[in-house]
Amino acid sequence: MVGFQHAVRHAADVAGILDDPARAMAAQAWVGGGAPAFAAELTRQRAALAAALEAALRRLAQEGDAVPSLGRPATSMSAVHGSFAGVEPAQLRRLVTGLTTAAGELPRAAQTLGAPEVAAIGSWSAAQADDLRRRLALILRDGGTLAPAPLVAFGLYGGHAPSTVTALLTGAAAGDAAALARLLDLQRQASDPTLAARVSAWWRLLDTSAREQAEKAQPALGLLDGLPVTVRDRANRALLATEKTRLAALLTTVAPHLALTWPAALDRVMLQLDHVKVIEQGLAQGGRNGRPPAYLLSFDLDSLGQAAISFGDPDAADRVVTYVPGMNTRLVSFGEDLNRAAVLWDQAHYFAPGQRIASIAWLGYRAPQVDWYLPVPGRSVATDGAADKGARTLASLVDGLRATHAPSGKAKLTMLGHSYGSLVTGKAAVLRPGRFADELVFVGSPGVGVWKAEELGVAPGKVWVGEAAGDPVGDFARYGNDPGDDSFGARRFYVEDGPFYLTFKAHSLYWDDDSESLKNLAHIVNGNYRKVTS
């Protein structure tokens, strides 16, 4: 039989064998997903190990022998992380190494001390080490100095974050249209802020062959938030080309019949072809005059139409700005809004040519059309129904941008809402408090759905407002407090006065060439606040 004092020393050595994995977890549990659940389970296993060792010592103790307390807290390690933060691979490897060591040492300690419970904890450690080692190899195969937080949360610790989403993704990748429709419905609801991160982790863990098969089997796969922007662009361009071919065929083969029997159907086909043209023209702006390529993030040709196009790759950008247009915006006239996103990129790039910038024009909702005397919920500019729906879709977009962005400690996300689009932006910020944008900018705003800037969930001093004199919408203040009022608490930047004899011109002058307003927007996007004209 092992001597008691020797047993005490041996138990004391073994009792701390899970401490290093616990410290490694403390530095990464912030990623969310399955990480907190795994950290909690690791804590339980450490406590169980201490209890099992103490019980073994009590069985070995003779009269007069004192059994020490072996339970102790693990030293915490603070983790500094920002909007697009990642985890150092060394911390992930450290966790696996620690668990592997425990898997080897604990069975021997169990035999020495006569403690089968300790062997069970060793088996648990071995199972976790094997699972995490396999997942870690997939996560780190693309290289990089940091592992993306969503990939760690739902890739490395995916076994501790069960969800029906994985089954839907597997079905969608196999060509199941119903599965994709369900995923897109969940995306529109935006009730699960982790959905895009789960999509991102799922995609990153697929091998190249499986990814190629998924794109072939499911042409509309690119509509999912959480897929890399380059993948979305490739899939959506292919889908757009297919739709264009289909509509052109309808126009040539069925149009004469439709013109006589169902003219409204013919009008719909022609409108959708117009939508295709607007998207193609917007994409063609990419790569011109020093601009980066354009990326098609999403589109919908039906009804008023929707589209989201980025000038520059937001997954790799240091500065990402998303512009949300407002009332009267529809896809057939979206070209003006695309131009606004493009000229903002131009101006920001001019001021900071060394920064990678992505400027997104986002029409991902049915913007209300002016019908002040018909307050139809969900459609009229006189209500916030359209904003409620749009906010959920916008929140999902941002979830996706965060999930797919390369880990970075300096990248910044700015949301720019104009007119009714500022209300959409404000409501989306409330849906994702502290997880939406690093900075909010409102121009020509009728209100953003709150009374104080602090209600929007961004850091103090990170809410900006610009309002042209003569802009009637900027003085509307229908949806909460006027963001331009001092009591709201936003930082105001200078905008030129608009012509009072053409008041709606004042509502759209914020992007005028060489204007102080456009320059201020660019400085805010770049984070060069000292040059913003107050």
Protein backbone atom coordinates (compact mmCIF):
# COMPACT_ATOMS: atom_id res chain seq x y z
CA MET A 1 0.00 0.00 0.00
CA VAL A 2 1.27 3.48 -0.84
CA GLY A 3 2.33 5.55 2.16
CA PHE A 4 -0.04 8.31 3.23
CA GLN A 5 2.43 11.20 2.93
CA HIS A 6 3.51 9.97 -0.50
CA ALA A 7 -0.17 9.74 -1.46
CA VAL A 8 -0.74 13.31 -0.27
CA ARG A 9 2.14 14.62 -2.37
CA HIS A 10 0.99 12.66 -5.38
CA ALA A 11 -2.63 13.83 -5.00
CA ALA A 12 -1.50 17.44 -4.61
CA ASP A 13 0.48 17.23 -7.85
CA VAL A 14 -2.40 15.65 -9.75
CA ALA A 15 -5.04 17.99 -8.30
CA GLY A 16 -3.73 20.89 -10.39
CA ILE A 17 -3.47 19.01 -13.66
CA LEU A 18 -6.58 20.71 -15.09
CA ASP A 19 -5.54 24.19 -13.90
CA ASP A 20 -3.66 25.09 -17.07
CA PRO A 21 -6.55 24.08 -19.36
CA ALA A 22 -8.82 26.16 -17.11
CA ARG A 23 -6.55 29.18 -17.48
CA ALA A 24 -6.50 28.71 -21.24
CA MET A 25 -10.32 28.59 -21.25
CA ALA A 26 -10.54 31.75 -19.14
CA ALA A 27 -8.73 33.58 -21.93
CA GLN A 28 -11.18 32.50 -24.61
CA ALA A 29 -14.58 31.84 -23.02
CA TRP A 30 -15.65 35.34 -24.19
CA VAL A 31 -16.12 34.01 -27.73
CA GLY A 32 -19.50 32.60 -26.70
CA GLY A 33 -21.11 29.71 -28.53
CA GLY A 34 -20.19 26.46 -26.85
CA ALA A 35 -17.16 27.93 -25.04
CA PRO A 36 -18.96 28.97 -21.82
CA ALA A 37 -20.63 25.55 -21.58
CA PHE A 38 -17.29 23.81 -22.01
CA ALA A 39 -15.66 26.13 -19.47
CA ALA A 40 -18.42 25.31 -16.97
CA GLU A 41 -17.96 21.58 -17.58
CA LEU A 42 -14.19 21.93 -17.12
CA THR A 43 -14.82 23.70 -13.82
CA ARG A 44 -17.07 20.84 -12.69
CA GLN A 45 -14.45 18.27 -13.67
CA ARG A 46 -11.76 20.15 -11.70
CA ALA A 47 -13.99 20.22 -8.63
CA ALA A 48 -14.84 16.54 -9.06
CA LEU A 49 -11.14 15.71 -9.36
CA ALA A 50 -10.32 17.49 -6.10
CA ALA A 51 -13.24 15.75 -4.34
CA ALA A 52 -12.22 12.32 -5.67
CA LEU A 53 -8.61 12.79 -4.58
CA GLU A 54 -9.63 13.94 -1.11
CA ALA A 55 -11.93 10.92 -0.79
CA ALA A 56 -9.07 8.61 -1.79
CA LEU A 57 -6.80 10.19 0.83
CA ARG A 58 -9.45 9.76 3.53
CA ARG A 59 -9.59 6.07 2.71
CA LEU A 60 -5.80 5.83 3.07
CA ALA A 61 -5.53 7.98 6.20
CA GLN A 62 -4.71 6.49 9.58
CA GLU A 63 -5.59 7.94 12.93
CA GLY A 64 -3.91 11.31 13.26
CA ASP A 65 -3.39 11.81 9.52
CA ALA A 66 -4.76 15.12 8.23
CA VAL A 67 -6.37 15.18 4.77
CA PRO A 68 -5.60 18.50 3.02
CA SER A 69 -8.11 20.44 0.97
CA LEU A 70 -7.18 20.12 -2.69
CA GLY A 71 -9.82 22.34 -4.27
CA ARG A 72 -8.54 25.71 -5.51
CA PRO A 73 -9.62 28.38 -7.99
CA ALA A 74 -7.81 28.61 -11.30
CA THR A 75 -6.00 31.85 -11.98
CA SER A 76 -8.10 33.87 -14.41
CA MET A 77 -6.62 35.48 -17.47
CA SER A 78 -8.30 38.58 -18.80
CA ALA A 79 -9.02 38.60 -22.52
CA VAL A 80 -8.93 41.82 -24.50
CA HIS A 81 -11.13 41.68 -27.56
CA GLY A 82 -12.81 44.07 -29.97
CA SER A 83 -15.35 43.98 -32.74
CA PHE A 84 -13.49 41.56 -34.98
CA ALA A 85 -11.28 39.89 -32.40
CA GLY A 86 -9.83 36.41 -32.60
CA VAL A 87 -8.11 33.87 -30.39
CA GLU A 88 -4.41 33.09 -30.47
CA PRO A 89 -3.84 29.53 -31.74
CA ALA A 90 -1.31 29.05 -28.93
CA GLN A 91 -4.14 29.30 -26.39
CA LEU A 92 -6.15 26.69 -28.29
CA ARG A 93 -3.18 24.33 -28.52
CA ARG A 94 -2.44 24.91 -24.86
CA LEU A 95 -5.91 23.70 -23.95
CA VAL A 96 -5.55 20.52 -26.02
CA THR A 97 -2.07 19.86 -24.65
CA GLY A 98 -3.27 20.25 -21.07
CA LEU A 99 -6.18 17.88 -21.57
CA THR A 100 -3.90 15.35 -23.26
CA THR A 101 -1.54 15.46 -20.28
CA ALA A 102 -4.47 14.93 -17.91
CA ALA A 103 -5.68 12.01 -20.02
CA GLY A 104 -2.31 10.31 -19.56
CA GLU A 105 -1.64 11.10 -15.90
CA LEU A 106 -5.03 10.63 -14.26
CA PRO A 107 -5.48 6.89 -14.98
CA ARG A 108 -2.08 6.21 -13.38
CA ALA A 109 -2.97 8.33 -10.37
CA ALA A 110 -6.28 6.48 -10.08
CA GLN A 111 -4.49 3.17 -9.93
CA THR A 112 -1.90 4.39 -7.43
CA LEU A 113 -4.46 5.95 -5.09
CA GLY A 114 -7.25 3.44 -5.64
CA ALA A 115 -9.59 6.12 -6.99
CA PRO A 116 -11.73 4.97 -9.96
CA GLU A 117 -13.47 8.37 -10.07
CA VAL A 118 -10.13 9.94 -11.03
CA ALA A 119 -9.83 7.50 -13.93
CA ALA A 120 -13.27 8.60 -15.17
CA ILE A 121 -12.09 12.22 -15.24
CA GLY A 122 -9.06 11.04 -17.19
CA SER A 123 -11.36 9.39 -19.72
CA TRP A 124 -13.34 12.61 -20.02
CA SER A 125 -10.11 14.54 -20.62
CA ALA A 126 -9.04 12.08 -23.31
CA ALA A 127 -12.37 12.31 -25.13
CA GLN A 128 -12.32 16.13 -25.05
CA ALA A 129 -8.69 16.28 -26.19
CA ASP A 130 -9.39 13.99 -29.15
CA ASP A 131 -12.48 15.96 -30.22
CA LEU A 132 -10.82 19.36 -29.80
CA ARG A 133 -7.62 18.22 -31.57
CA ARG A 134 -9.63 17.11 -34.62
CA ARG A 135 -11.63 20.33 -34.73
CA LEU A 136 -8.54 22.46 -34.13
CA ALA A 137 -6.76 20.94 -37.11
CA LEU A 138 -9.66 22.02 -39.33
CA ILE A 139 -9.83 25.47 -37.79
CA LEU A 140 -6.14 26.22 -38.24
CA ARG A 141 -5.67 24.71 -41.70
CA ASP A 142 -6.12 28.12 -43.38
CA GLY A 143 -3.33 29.64 -41.27
CA GLY A 144 -3.54 33.13 -39.80
CA THR A 145 -2.18 34.63 -36.61
CA LEU A 146 -5.62 34.53 -34.95
CA ALA A 147 -8.52 32.09 -35.11
CA PRO A 148 -11.85 33.90 -35.75
CA ALA A 149 -13.99 34.09 -32.63
CA PRO A 150 -17.14 32.63 -34.28
CA LEU A 151 -15.12 29.71 -35.59
CA VAL A 152 -13.79 28.99 -32.12
CA ALA A 153 -17.24 29.43 -30.57
CA PHE A 154 -19.14 27.11 -32.89
CA GLY A 155 -16.34 25.16 -34.54
CA LEU A 156 -13.95 24.21 -31.77
CA TYR A 157 -16.70 24.10 -29.15
CA GLY A 158 -19.50 23.13 -31.51
CA GLY A 159 -20.14 19.92 -29.59
CA HIS A 160 -21.14 22.04 -26.60
CA ALA A 161 -23.50 24.30 -28.57
CA PRO A 162 -26.18 21.96 -29.94
CA SER A 163 -28.52 23.41 -32.54
CA THR A 164 -30.91 22.38 -35.29
CA VAL A 165 -29.13 24.84 -37.59
CA THR A 166 -26.42 22.32 -38.48
CA ALA A 167 -28.99 19.85 -39.78
CA LEU A 168 -30.64 22.59 -41.86
CA LEU A 169 -27.27 23.64 -43.27
CA THR A 170 -26.43 20.07 -44.18
CA GLY A 171 -29.78 19.74 -45.94
CA ALA A 172 -29.41 23.06 -47.76
CA ALA A 173 -25.93 22.09 -48.94
CA ALA A 174 -27.39 18.90 -50.38
CA GLY A 175 -29.91 20.89 -52.43
CA ASP A 176 -32.88 20.83 -50.03
CA ALA A 177 -34.75 24.02 -50.95
CA ALA A 178 -37.01 23.73 -47.91
CA ALA A 179 -34.01 23.65 -45.58
CA LEU A 180 -32.56 26.79 -47.18
CA ALA A 181 -35.95 28.50 -47.01
CA ARG A 182 -36.13 27.71 -43.30
CA LEU A 183 -32.64 29.11 -42.74
CA LEU A 184 -33.49 32.31 -44.61
CA ASP A 185 -36.67 32.61 -42.55
CA LEU A 186 -34.64 32.30 -39.35
CA GLN A 187 -32.27 34.90 -40.78
CA ARG A 188 -35.13 37.34 -41.39
CA GLN A 189 -36.43 36.81 -37.85
CA ALA A 190 -32.98 37.62 -36.41
CA SER A 191 -34.04 36.18 -33.06
CA ASP A 192 -30.83 34.12 -32.80
CA PRO A 193 -27.78 36.43 -32.83
CA THR A 194 -25.52 33.37 -33.22
CA LEU A 195 -27.06 32.12 -36.46
CA ALA A 196 -24.52 33.76 -38.78
CA ALA A 197 -21.64 32.59 -36.57
CA ARG A 198 -22.95 29.02 -36.78
CA VAL A 199 -23.19 29.32 -40.56
CA SER A 200 -19.63 30.65 -40.69
CA ALA A 201 -18.23 27.85 -38.52
CA TRP A 202 -20.10 25.20 -40.49
CA TRP A 203 -18.68 26.50 -43.77
CA ARG A 204 -15.13 26.83 -42.48
CA LEU A 205 -15.13 23.23 -41.27
CA LEU A 206 -16.14 21.86 -44.69
CA ASP A 207 -13.38 20.67 -47.00
CA THR A 208 -12.95 22.16 -50.47
CA SER A 209 -14.87 19.40 -52.21
CA ALA A 210 -17.85 19.73 -49.87
CA ARG A 211 -17.91 23.49 -50.38
CA GLU A 212 -17.92 23.13 -54.17
CA GLN A 213 -20.70 20.56 -54.00
CA ALA A 214 -22.78 22.84 -51.76
CA GLU A 215 -22.51 25.75 -54.20
CA LYS A 216 -23.55 23.52 -57.11
CA ALA A 217 -26.42 21.89 -55.27
CA GLN A 218 -27.86 25.11 -53.82
CA PRO A 219 -27.66 28.10 -56.20
CA ALA A 220 -29.21 30.46 -53.62
CA LEU A 221 -26.68 29.56 -50.92
CA GLY A 222 -25.06 32.98 -51.25
CA LEU A 223 -28.07 34.64 -49.63
CA LEU A 224 -26.99 33.28 -46.23
CA ASP A 225 -25.38 35.72 -43.82
CA GLY A 226 -22.28 34.13 -42.34
CA LEU A 227 -20.73 32.83 -45.55
CA PRO A 228 -17.49 34.51 -46.70
CA VAL A 229 -18.17 37.53 -48.89
CA THR A 230 -16.21 36.10 -51.80
CA VAL A 231 -18.35 32.95 -51.69
CA ARG A 232 -21.57 34.96 -51.51
CA ASP A 233 -20.52 37.14 -54.42
CA ARG A 234 -19.66 34.17 -56.62
CA ALA A 235 -22.89 32.34 -55.82
CA ASN A 236 -25.09 35.42 -56.13
CA ARG A 237 -23.59 36.51 -59.45
CA ALA A 238 -24.23 33.04 -60.83
CA LEU A 239 -27.81 33.12 -59.52
CA LEU A 240 -28.34 36.60 -60.99
CA ALA A 241 -27.12 35.41 -64.39
CA THR A 242 -29.50 32.44 -64.23
CA GLU A 243 -32.40 34.70 -63.36
CA LYS A 244 -31.51 37.08 -66.18
CA THR A 245 -31.51 34.22 -68.69
CA ARG A 246 -34.84 32.94 -67.39
CA LEU A 247 -36.49 36.35 -67.53
CA ALA A 248 -35.12 37.09 -71.00
CA ALA A 249 -36.54 33.79 -72.22
CA LEU A 250 -39.92 34.66 -70.75
CA LEU A 251 -39.86 38.02 -72.43
CA THR A 252 -39.17 36.56 -75.88
CA THR A 253 -41.32 33.43 -75.74
CA VAL A 254 -44.27 34.36 -73.55
CA ALA A 255 -44.45 38.14 -73.81
CA PRO A 256 -46.82 38.34 -76.83
CA HIS A 257 -49.33 36.12 -75.04
CA LEU A 258 -48.95 37.93 -71.73
CA ALA A 259 -49.44 41.33 -73.36
CA LEU A 260 -52.96 40.30 -74.35
CA THR A 261 -54.03 38.08 -71.47
CA TRP A 262 -52.13 39.23 -68.41
CA PRO A 263 -50.34 42.55 -68.96
CA ALA A 264 -49.48 42.85 -65.25
CA ALA A 265 -47.37 39.68 -65.50
CA LEU A 266 -45.50 41.15 -68.46
CA ASP A 267 -44.86 44.33 -66.49
CA ARG A 268 -43.46 42.24 -63.67
CA VAL A 269 -41.02 40.45 -65.96
CA MET A 270 -39.83 43.73 -67.44
CA LEU A 271 -39.44 45.30 -63.99
CA GLN A 272 -37.34 42.37 -62.82
CA LEU A 273 -35.10 42.73 -65.86
CA ASP A 274 -34.72 46.40 -64.96
CA HIS A 275 -33.68 45.28 -61.47
CA VAL A 276 -31.05 42.99 -62.97
CA LYS A 277 -29.72 45.90 -65.00
CA VAL A 278 -29.40 48.13 -61.92
CA ILE A 279 -27.47 45.45 -60.06
CA GLU A 280 -25.17 44.83 -63.02
CA GLN A 281 -24.50 48.56 -63.36
CA GLY A 282 -23.74 48.79 -59.65
CA LEU A 283 -21.32 45.89 -59.79
CA ALA A 284 -19.63 47.47 -62.79
CA GLN A 285 -18.71 50.49 -60.63
CA GLY A 286 -16.28 48.25 -58.79
CA GLY A 287 -12.75 48.30 -60.15
CA ARG A 288 -13.19 51.69 -61.79
CA ASN A 289 -11.12 54.78 -61.03
CA GLY A 290 -9.03 53.03 -58.44
CA ARG A 291 -11.96 51.47 -56.63
CA PRO A 292 -11.78 47.89 -55.37
CA PRO A 293 -13.96 45.13 -56.84
CA ALA A 294 -17.66 45.15 -56.02
CA TYR A 295 -19.29 42.23 -54.22
CA LEU A 296 -22.93 41.16 -54.49
CA LEU A 297 -23.99 40.23 -50.96
CA SER A 298 -27.67 39.61 -51.65
CA PHE A 299 -30.54 40.48 -53.99
CA ASP A 300 -34.24 39.98 -54.52
CA LEU A 301 -35.81 40.88 -57.86
CA ASP A 302 -39.44 40.65 -56.75
CA SER A 303 -41.77 43.55 -55.92
CA LEU A 304 -39.83 46.75 -55.08
CA GLY A 305 -36.61 44.74 -55.18
CA GLN A 306 -33.69 44.47 -52.79
CA ALA A 307 -29.91 44.33 -53.10
CA ALA A 308 -26.72 44.75 -51.10
CA ILE A 309 -23.46 45.59 -52.85
CA SER A 310 -20.09 46.28 -51.27
CA PHE A 311 -17.25 48.26 -52.79
CA GLY A 312 -14.31 46.43 -51.29
CA ASP A 313 -14.19 43.16 -49.37
CA PRO A 314 -15.69 43.74 -45.91
CA ASP A 315 -14.16 40.49 -44.64
CA ALA A 316 -10.66 41.93 -45.01
CA ALA A 317 -11.26 45.66 -44.55
CA ASP A 318 -9.89 47.87 -41.78
CA ARG A 319 -12.91 50.15 -42.11
CA VAL A 320 -16.37 48.92 -43.05
CA VAL A 321 -19.28 51.31 -43.55
CA THR A 322 -22.82 50.20 -44.37
CA TYR A 323 -25.21 52.76 -45.80
CA VAL A 324 -28.94 52.23 -45.24
CA PRO A 325 -31.21 54.32 -47.49
CA GLY A 326 -34.68 55.47 -46.57
CA MET A 327 -38.07 56.35 -47.91
CA ASN A 328 -38.90 56.00 -51.58
CA THR A 329 -35.89 53.77 -52.20
CA ARG A 330 -36.57 50.87 -54.53
CA LEU A 331 -34.25 48.72 -56.56
CA VAL A 332 -35.10 50.33 -59.88
CA SER A 333 -33.72 53.65 -58.53
CA PHE A 334 -31.02 52.14 -56.30
CA GLY A 335 -28.30 53.38 -58.62
CA GLU A 336 -28.18 56.73 -56.82
CA ASP A 337 -27.66 54.98 -53.49
CA LEU A 338 -24.95 52.77 -54.96
CA ASN A 339 -23.22 55.90 -56.16
CA ARG A 340 -23.39 57.35 -52.63
CA ALA A 341 -21.63 54.28 -51.25
CA ALA A 342 -19.05 54.50 -54.03
CA VAL A 343 -18.25 58.20 -53.55
CA LEU A 344 -17.96 57.67 -49.79
CA TRP A 345 -15.38 54.98 -50.53
CA ASP A 346 -13.61 57.40 -52.88
CA GLN A 347 -13.46 60.15 -50.25
CA ALA A 348 -12.43 57.86 -47.39
CA HIS A 349 -9.73 56.29 -49.55
CA TYR A 350 -8.48 59.71 -50.61
CA PHE A 351 -8.00 60.70 -46.97
CA ALA A 352 -6.51 57.35 -45.91
CA PRO A 353 -5.04 55.55 -48.94
CA GLY A 354 -3.24 53.05 -46.76
CA GLN A 355 -6.42 51.68 -45.19
CA ARG A 356 -8.50 48.88 -46.62
CA ILE A 357 -12.03 50.22 -46.86
CA ALA A 358 -15.32 48.55 -47.72
CA SER A 359 -18.40 50.66 -48.41
CA ILE A 360 -21.72 48.81 -48.57
CA ALA A 361 -25.01 50.04 -50.01
CA TRP A 362 -27.72 47.98 -48.33
CA LEU A 363 -31.31 47.83 -49.52
CA GLY A 364 -32.28 44.70 -47.65
CA TYR A 365 -35.80 45.74 -46.74
CA ARG A 366 -38.92 47.11 -48.38
CA ALA A 367 -38.43 50.81 -47.83
CA PRO A 368 -41.67 52.73 -47.40
CA GLN A 369 -42.89 54.82 -50.28
CA VAL A 370 -44.41 58.22 -49.69
CA ASP A 371 -48.10 57.84 -48.99
CA TRP A 372 -48.62 60.06 -45.99
CA TYR A 373 -52.41 59.64 -46.09
CA LEU A 374 -52.38 55.84 -46.19
CA PRO A 375 -50.64 54.70 -42.98
CA VAL A 376 -50.58 51.01 -43.89
CA PRO A 377 -48.55 49.05 -41.28
CA GLY A 378 -45.38 47.63 -42.75
CA ARG A 379 -45.49 49.85 -45.82
CA SER A 380 -46.14 53.53 -45.12
CA VAL A 381 -43.47 56.05 -44.18
CA ALA A 382 -45.92 57.28 -41.57
CA THR A 383 -45.40 54.12 -39.47
CA ASP A 384 -42.41 52.16 -38.25
CA GLY A 385 -43.63 48.76 -39.47
CA ALA A 386 -41.16 48.63 -42.36
CA ALA A 387 -38.37 49.66 -39.99
CA ASP A 388 -39.18 46.82 -37.60
CA LYS A 389 -38.83 44.27 -40.40
CA GLY A 390 -35.80 45.97 -41.91
CA ALA A 391 -34.04 46.17 -38.55
CA ARG A 392 -34.12 42.42 -38.15
CA THR A 393 -32.65 41.86 -41.60
CA LEU A 394 -30.01 44.53 -40.99
CA ALA A 395 -29.07 42.99 -37.64
CA SER A 396 -28.58 39.68 -39.41
CA LEU A 397 -26.34 41.31 -42.01
CA VAL A 398 -24.14 42.72 -39.25
CA ASP A 399 -24.09 39.34 -37.50
CA GLY A 400 -22.71 37.97 -40.76
CA LEU A 401 -20.13 40.74 -41.22
CA ARG A 402 -18.81 40.08 -37.74
CA ALA A 403 -18.79 36.31 -38.21
CA THR A 404 -16.79 36.31 -41.44
CA HIS A 405 -14.36 39.19 -40.88
CA ALA A 406 -10.73 38.21 -40.52
CA PRO A 407 -9.66 38.61 -36.86
CA SER A 408 -8.40 42.12 -36.29
CA GLY A 409 -7.79 44.42 -33.37
CA LYS A 410 -8.12 47.58 -35.42
CA ALA A 411 -11.05 47.01 -37.79
CA LYS A 412 -14.10 49.22 -37.27
CA LEU A 413 -17.71 48.93 -38.41
CA THR A 414 -19.74 52.09 -39.02
CA MET A 415 -23.45 52.11 -39.82
CA LEU A 416 -24.80 55.09 -41.76
CA GLY A 417 -28.56 55.57 -41.81
CA HIS A 418 -30.23 58.16 -44.00
CA SER A 419 -33.81 59.35 -43.69
CA TYR A 420 -36.10 56.44 -42.76
CA GLY A 421 -33.01 54.25 -43.00
CA SER A 422 -31.75 55.87 -39.80
CA LEU A 423 -34.82 54.48 -38.02
CA VAL A 424 -34.04 51.02 -39.41
CA THR A 425 -30.46 51.40 -38.20
CA GLY A 426 -31.49 52.59 -34.75
CA LYS A 427 -33.90 49.71 -34.26
CA ALA A 428 -31.26 47.21 -35.40
CA ALA A 429 -28.81 48.65 -32.86
CA VAL A 430 -31.38 48.12 -30.11
CA LEU A 431 -31.80 44.49 -31.25
CA ARG A 432 -28.06 43.88 -30.82
CA PRO A 433 -26.99 46.09 -27.90
CA GLY A 434 -23.23 46.29 -27.74
CA ARG A 435 -22.86 43.86 -30.66
CA PHE A 436 -24.13 45.88 -33.60
CA ALA A 437 -21.77 48.64 -34.73
CA ASP A 438 -18.74 50.42 -33.39
CA GLU A 439 -20.18 53.69 -34.60
CA LEU A 440 -23.55 55.01 -35.75
CA VAL A 441 -24.07 57.95 -38.09
CA PHE A 442 -27.48 59.43 -38.90
CA VAL A 443 -28.19 61.99 -41.60
CA GLY A 444 -31.52 63.58 -42.45
CA SER A 445 -33.10 61.52 -39.69
CA PRO A 446 -36.77 61.64 -38.63
CA GLY A 447 -35.79 59.85 -35.40
CA VAL A 448 -34.14 56.54 -34.64
CA GLY A 449 -36.65 54.99 -32.26
CA VAL A 450 -35.03 56.07 -28.98
CA TRP A 451 -34.80 59.24 -26.93
CA LYS A 452 -31.13 59.15 -25.98
CA ALA A 453 -28.00 58.15 -27.88
CA GLU A 454 -26.94 55.99 -24.94
CA GLU A 455 -29.91 53.68 -25.62
CA LEU A 456 -28.29 52.54 -28.88
CA GLY A 457 -25.69 50.32 -27.23
CA VAL A 458 -22.50 51.87 -28.60
CA ALA A 459 -19.69 53.53 -26.69
CA PRO A 460 -20.11 57.15 -25.56
CA GLY A 461 -19.23 59.62 -28.29
CA LYS A 462 -19.78 57.06 -31.06
CA VAL A 463 -23.16 58.35 -32.26
CA TRP A 464 -23.00 61.09 -34.88
CA VAL A 465 -25.68 63.16 -36.57
CA GLY A 466 -25.65 65.46 -39.57
CA GLU A 467 -28.62 67.63 -40.47
CA ALA A 468 -28.84 70.15 -43.27
CA ALA A 469 -30.73 73.35 -42.66
CA GLY A 470 -33.80 73.14 -44.86
CA ASP A 471 -34.07 69.34 -44.64
CA PRO A 472 -37.72 68.80 -43.68
CA VAL A 473 -37.22 65.16 -42.71
CA GLY A 474 -34.38 66.07 -40.36
CA ASP A 475 -36.80 68.23 -38.37
CA PHE A 476 -39.60 65.66 -38.44
CA ALA A 477 -38.77 63.93 -35.10
CA ARG A 478 -41.60 61.46 -35.53
CA TYR A 479 -39.79 58.40 -34.17
CA GLY A 480 -38.46 59.40 -30.77
CA ASN A 481 -36.31 62.40 -30.02
CA ASP A 482 -34.72 64.47 -32.80
CA PRO A 483 -31.15 63.09 -33.09
CA GLY A 484 -30.00 66.61 -33.95
CA ASP A 485 -31.28 68.00 -30.66
CA ASP A 486 -28.73 68.56 -27.89
CA SER A 487 -30.83 66.50 -25.50
CA PHE A 488 -30.33 63.39 -27.66
CA GLY A 489 -26.63 63.31 -26.87
CA ALA A 490 -25.12 62.67 -30.32
CA ARG A 491 -22.06 64.41 -31.73
CA ARG A 492 -23.04 66.77 -34.51
CA PHE A 493 -20.96 67.35 -37.61
CA TYR A 494 -21.21 70.20 -40.06
CA VAL A 495 -23.43 69.93 -43.13
CA GLU A 496 -23.92 72.70 -45.69
CA ASP A 497 -27.27 74.46 -45.74
CA GLY A 498 -29.73 73.26 -48.32
CA PRO A 499 -31.69 75.43 -50.75
CA PHE A 500 -34.88 76.46 -49.00
CA TYR A 501 -36.79 76.80 -52.22
CA LEU A 502 -36.19 73.10 -53.02
CA THR A 503 -36.41 71.55 -49.58
CA PHE A 504 -36.08 67.90 -50.63
CA LYS A 505 -32.78 68.76 -52.31
CA ALA A 506 -31.56 69.51 -48.79
CA HIS A 507 -32.56 65.98 -47.80
CA SER A 508 -30.12 64.41 -50.24
CA LEU A 509 -27.10 66.75 -50.28
CA TYR A 510 -25.06 64.81 -47.72
CA TRP A 511 -23.01 63.07 -50.44
CA ASP A 512 -22.52 66.07 -52.74
CA ASP A 513 -19.11 66.19 -54.43
CA ASP A 514 -16.44 68.08 -52.49
CA SER A 515 -18.94 68.92 -49.77
CA GLU A 516 -17.94 69.35 -46.14
CA SER A 517 -20.60 66.79 -45.29
CA LEU A 518 -19.05 64.07 -47.46
CA LYS A 519 -15.60 64.87 -46.07
CA ASN A 520 -16.90 64.61 -42.52
CA LEU A 521 -18.51 61.26 -43.25
CA ALA A 522 -15.20 60.00 -44.62
CA HIS A 523 -13.27 61.23 -41.58
CA ILE A 524 -15.73 59.47 -39.27
CA VAL A 525 -15.47 56.24 -41.24
CA ASN A 526 -11.68 56.45 -41.07
CA GLY A 527 -11.73 57.23 -37.36
CA ASN A 528 -9.92 60.53 -37.93
CA TYR A 529 -12.15 62.50 -35.57
CA ARG A 530 -9.85 65.47 -35.15
CA LYS A 531 -10.58 66.49 -38.72
CA VAL A 532 -14.36 66.30 -38.39
CA THR A 533 -15.89 69.75 -38.63
CA SER A 534 -18.29 70.19 -35.71
